[in-house]
Amino acid sequence: MKEEDILFEDNSILVVNKPAGLAVQTAKIGEKDLLGEARNYLKVKGEAPDVFPIHRLDQPVSGIVLLAKTSEAAATLSKDMQADAFSKDYKARVFKKCKLAKSGELKDFLLKQKDNTSKVVSKDTKGAKEAILTFEVTAEDDDNASLTVHLKTGRHHQIRVQLSNAGMPILGDLKYGNEESLAVSKRLNIKTVALTAYKLKFKHPDSGKPMEFSI
């Protein structure tokens, strides 16, 4: 882990900027992940290598990740997360066929599949979970647009699935893109999912002080 990847650190938390392609946690032997990199960083500093992920980003997605350095901090932050006390915002670049509304809200029900994907289903589907996000268009071209996305829920692959289902697949997304979006991705030389977690707000687990980070 590079020093420039660390946005904030104290005795309880570690806020890092995860690069695209690095998993937060992997089960694959010999493959690097964010938790391993963070533990190695703390070991070099002479600190106990205890690291607990409070939330996760998909492996191809870059951006801000919050890690706790103690089990007590992890418990407090996880409780806050479940109580919707976190605010998470993303930037995405998407394919589009026509002019988009300047802003909007997407409400769907998602079901995680056995192949590690999720899909939109009817609300009465067993195991389905409600997914809500809002978006704003910040720039628009003929066949693609830049969005800011605010998550109101945190579901598996939520932004990627919902935007794709709404006809706005994220550029560079091999799982949820389509032939047209992948063609635009190739033309623009976008080789990974064009999605970044750029802003995170939460309360410090010890002081309760509001914390905000952006990249």
Protein backbone atom coordinates (compact mmCIF):
# COMPACT_ATOMS: atom_id res chain seq x y z
CA MET A 1 0.00 0.00 0.00
CA LYS A 2 1.38 3.37 -1.01
CA GLU A 3 1.34 6.39 1.29
CA GLU A 4 -0.64 8.36 -1.29
CA ASP A 5 -3.42 5.75 -1.11
CA ILE A 6 -4.08 6.58 2.55
CA LEU A 7 -6.56 9.42 3.00
CA PHE A 8 -6.74 9.32 6.80
CA GLU A 9 -5.45 7.25 9.70
CA ASP A 10 -5.71 7.29 13.47
CA ASN A 11 -5.82 4.66 16.22
CA SER A 12 -9.28 3.43 15.20
CA ILE A 13 -9.76 3.80 11.45
CA LEU A 14 -7.94 3.70 8.14
CA VAL A 15 -9.47 5.41 5.09
CA VAL A 16 -7.90 4.35 1.80
CA ASN A 17 -8.29 4.94 -1.92
CA LYS A 18 -8.55 1.48 -3.47
CA PRO A 19 -7.27 1.13 -7.03
CA ALA A 20 -9.36 -0.61 -9.67
CA GLY A 21 -8.51 -4.30 -10.01
CA LEU A 22 -7.64 -4.88 -6.35
CA ALA A 23 -10.20 -6.91 -4.39
CA VAL A 24 -11.08 -5.75 -0.88
CA GLN A 25 -10.80 -9.37 0.22
CA THR A 26 -10.08 -12.42 -1.89
CA ALA A 27 -10.19 -16.15 -1.26
CA LYS A 28 -7.68 -16.84 -4.02
CA ILE A 29 -4.33 -18.04 -2.67
CA GLY A 30 -1.43 -15.79 -3.67
CA GLU A 31 -3.62 -12.95 -4.94
CA LYS A 32 -3.15 -9.53 -3.34
CA ASP A 33 -6.10 -7.82 -1.72
CA LEU A 34 -6.74 -4.57 0.14
CA LEU A 35 -6.89 -6.17 3.59
CA GLY A 36 -3.54 -7.88 3.06
CA GLU A 37 -1.96 -4.67 1.81
CA ALA A 38 -3.32 -2.78 4.83
CA ARG A 39 -2.05 -5.43 7.26
CA ASN A 40 1.41 -5.33 5.70
CA TYR A 41 1.41 -1.53 5.96
CA LEU A 42 0.57 -1.70 9.69
CA LYS A 43 3.18 -4.40 10.33
CA VAL A 44 5.90 -2.22 8.81
CA LYS A 45 4.81 0.59 11.15
CA GLY A 46 5.04 -1.77 14.12
CA GLU A 47 1.30 -1.78 14.75
CA ALA A 48 -1.02 -4.73 15.32
CA PRO A 49 -2.24 -5.83 11.87
CA ASP A 50 -5.92 -5.91 12.83
CA VAL A 51 -8.07 -4.63 9.96
CA PHE A 52 -11.83 -4.96 9.54
CA PRO A 53 -13.63 -3.91 6.34
CA ILE A 54 -16.74 -1.83 7.07
CA HIS A 55 -17.97 -1.89 3.48
CA ARG A 56 -16.69 -3.21 0.17
CA LEU A 57 -16.22 -2.19 -3.43
CA ASP A 58 -16.32 -4.56 -6.39
CA GLN A 59 -12.84 -5.60 -7.51
CA PRO A 60 -12.90 -3.56 -10.78
CA VAL A 61 -14.28 -0.46 -8.99
CA SER A 62 -11.94 2.17 -7.55
CA GLY A 63 -12.44 4.57 -4.68
CA ILE A 64 -12.77 5.17 -0.97
CA VAL A 65 -12.92 2.25 1.46
CA LEU A 66 -13.20 2.51 5.25
CA LEU A 67 -11.33 0.01 7.41
CA ALA A 68 -11.47 -0.30 11.20
CA LYS A 69 -8.31 -1.01 13.19
CA THR A 70 -10.07 -2.38 16.28
CA SER A 71 -12.99 -4.72 16.80
CA GLU A 72 -14.71 -2.05 18.90
CA ALA A 73 -14.52 0.51 16.09
CA ALA A 74 -15.70 -2.10 13.61
CA ALA A 75 -18.76 -2.91 15.74
CA THR A 76 -19.71 0.77 16.09
CA LEU A 77 -19.23 1.53 12.40
CA SER A 78 -21.10 -1.59 11.29
CA LYS A 79 -24.02 -0.60 13.50
CA ASP A 80 -24.01 2.90 11.97
CA MET A 81 -23.89 1.38 8.49
CA GLN A 82 -26.95 -0.77 9.22
CA ALA A 83 -28.75 2.32 10.56
CA ASP A 84 -28.08 4.16 7.25
CA ALA A 85 -25.80 6.67 9.00
CA PHE A 86 -23.30 6.50 6.12
CA SER A 87 -23.45 8.58 2.94
CA LYS A 88 -21.82 7.10 -0.18
CA ASP A 89 -21.47 8.84 -3.53
CA TYR A 90 -20.01 7.58 -6.80
CA LYS A 91 -19.01 8.87 -10.22
CA ALA A 92 -19.89 6.76 -13.25
CA ARG A 93 -19.55 7.03 -17.02
CA VAL A 94 -22.35 5.27 -18.84
CA PHE A 95 -23.55 4.37 -22.31
CA LYS A 96 -26.79 5.99 -23.49
CA LYS A 97 -28.97 5.89 -26.58
CA CYS A 98 -30.87 9.14 -26.08
CA LYS A 99 -30.75 12.33 -24.03
CA LEU A 100 -31.05 11.65 -20.32
CA ALA A 101 -33.11 13.40 -17.68
CA LYS A 102 -30.88 15.70 -15.60
CA SER A 103 -31.60 13.67 -12.48
CA GLY A 104 -33.62 10.71 -11.36
CA GLU A 105 -34.23 7.94 -8.86
CA LEU A 106 -34.10 4.20 -9.50
CA LYS A 107 -36.03 1.75 -7.32
CA ASP A 108 -35.72 -1.96 -8.02
CA PHE A 109 -35.63 -5.32 -6.29
CA LEU A 110 -32.41 -7.30 -6.73
CA LEU A 111 -31.64 -10.97 -6.32
CA LYS A 112 -28.07 -12.28 -6.04
CA GLN A 113 -27.31 -15.20 -8.37
CA LYS A 114 -25.10 -18.24 -7.86
CA ASP A 115 -22.64 -16.97 -10.49
CA ASN A 116 -21.83 -13.85 -8.38
CA THR A 117 -24.06 -11.54 -10.39
CA SER A 118 -27.33 -9.88 -9.41
CA LYS A 119 -30.45 -9.22 -11.45
CA VAL A 120 -33.60 -7.13 -11.22
CA VAL A 121 -36.63 -9.19 -10.20
CA SER A 122 -40.20 -8.59 -9.04
CA LYS A 123 -40.61 -7.51 -5.43
CA ASP A 124 -42.42 -10.74 -4.49
CA THR A 125 -39.44 -12.90 -5.55
CA LYS A 126 -38.09 -14.91 -2.63
CA GLY A 127 -34.86 -13.38 -1.34
CA ALA A 128 -35.23 -10.16 -3.33
CA LYS A 129 -33.94 -6.97 -1.65
CA GLU A 130 -35.01 -3.41 -2.41
CA ALA A 131 -32.36 -1.24 -4.08
CA ILE A 132 -32.61 2.55 -4.29
CA LEU A 133 -30.24 5.12 -5.78
CA THR A 134 -30.43 8.65 -7.16
CA PHE A 135 -28.35 10.09 -9.99
CA GLU A 136 -27.49 13.40 -11.61
CA VAL A 137 -26.07 13.91 -15.10
CA THR A 138 -22.92 16.05 -14.94
CA ALA A 139 -21.84 15.80 -18.60
CA GLU A 140 -23.34 14.31 -21.74
CA ASP A 141 -22.05 13.31 -25.17
CA ASP A 142 -23.75 11.65 -28.14
CA ASP A 143 -23.55 8.08 -26.83
CA ASN A 144 -22.23 8.39 -23.26
CA ALA A 145 -22.71 10.48 -20.14
CA SER A 146 -21.07 11.16 -16.77
CA LEU A 147 -23.17 10.73 -13.64
CA THR A 148 -22.90 11.24 -9.92
CA VAL A 149 -24.72 8.50 -8.04
CA HIS A 150 -25.93 8.51 -4.44
CA LEU A 151 -26.65 5.15 -2.84
CA LYS A 152 -29.61 4.89 -0.52
CA THR A 153 -29.16 1.14 -0.05
CA GLY A 154 -26.14 -1.12 -0.36
CA ARG A 155 -26.82 -4.21 -2.45
CA HIS A 156 -24.57 -6.62 -4.34
CA HIS A 157 -23.41 -4.91 -7.58
CA GLN A 158 -26.27 -2.44 -7.07
CA ILE A 159 -25.15 0.54 -9.17
CA ARG A 160 -23.93 -1.64 -12.02
CA VAL A 161 -27.16 -3.68 -12.14
CA GLN A 162 -29.61 -0.80 -11.75
CA LEU A 163 -27.97 1.49 -14.29
CA SER A 164 -27.75 -1.35 -16.79
CA ASN A 165 -31.39 -2.24 -16.24
CA ALA A 166 -32.32 1.42 -16.81
CA GLY A 167 -30.58 1.41 -20.20
CA MET A 168 -27.39 3.09 -18.94
CA PRO A 169 -24.77 0.34 -18.57
CA ILE A 170 -21.48 1.55 -17.12
CA LEU A 171 -18.69 1.72 -19.66
CA GLY A 172 -16.05 -0.97 -19.31
CA ASP A 173 -18.42 -3.32 -17.47
CA LEU A 174 -18.09 -6.79 -18.95
CA LYS A 175 -20.68 -8.34 -16.60
CA TYR A 176 -23.54 -5.92 -17.05
CA GLY A 177 -22.71 -4.14 -20.28
CA ASN A 178 -24.10 -4.89 -23.72
CA GLU A 179 -22.68 -5.03 -27.23
CA GLU A 180 -23.22 -1.30 -27.76
CA SER A 181 -21.74 -0.17 -24.44
CA LEU A 182 -18.70 -2.40 -24.90
CA ALA A 183 -18.16 -0.98 -28.40
CA VAL A 184 -18.19 2.56 -26.99
CA SER A 185 -15.84 1.44 -24.19
CA LYS A 186 -13.41 0.08 -26.77
CA ARG A 187 -13.57 3.30 -28.80
CA LEU A 188 -12.86 5.39 -25.71
CA ASN A 189 -10.15 2.96 -24.53
CA ILE A 190 -11.96 2.29 -21.25
CA LYS A 191 -10.61 -1.04 -19.99
CA THR A 192 -12.14 -1.27 -16.50
CA VAL A 193 -15.49 -0.46 -14.95
CA ALA A 194 -15.89 3.33 -15.13
CA LEU A 195 -17.16 3.65 -11.57
CA THR A 196 -15.45 5.35 -8.63
CA ALA A 197 -16.54 5.74 -5.01
CA TYR A 198 -15.52 9.38 -4.72
CA LYS A 199 -17.17 10.61 -1.51
CA LEU A 200 -17.82 9.02 1.89
CA LYS A 201 -19.44 10.52 5.01
CA PHE A 202 -19.75 8.84 8.42
CA LYS A 203 -19.30 9.48 12.14
CA HIS A 204 -16.03 8.67 13.86
CA PRO A 205 -16.53 5.52 15.96
CA ASP A 206 -14.90 7.03 19.07
CA SER A 207 -15.76 10.74 19.06
CA GLY A 208 -18.93 10.72 16.99
CA LYS A 209 -17.43 13.58 14.98
CA PRO A 210 -18.70 13.86 11.38
CA MET A 211 -16.04 12.71 8.91
CA GLU A 212 -16.06 13.40 5.17
CA PHE A 213 -13.60 12.31 2.50
CA SER A 214 -13.56 12.84 -1.25
CA ILE A 215 -11.21 12.12 -4.14
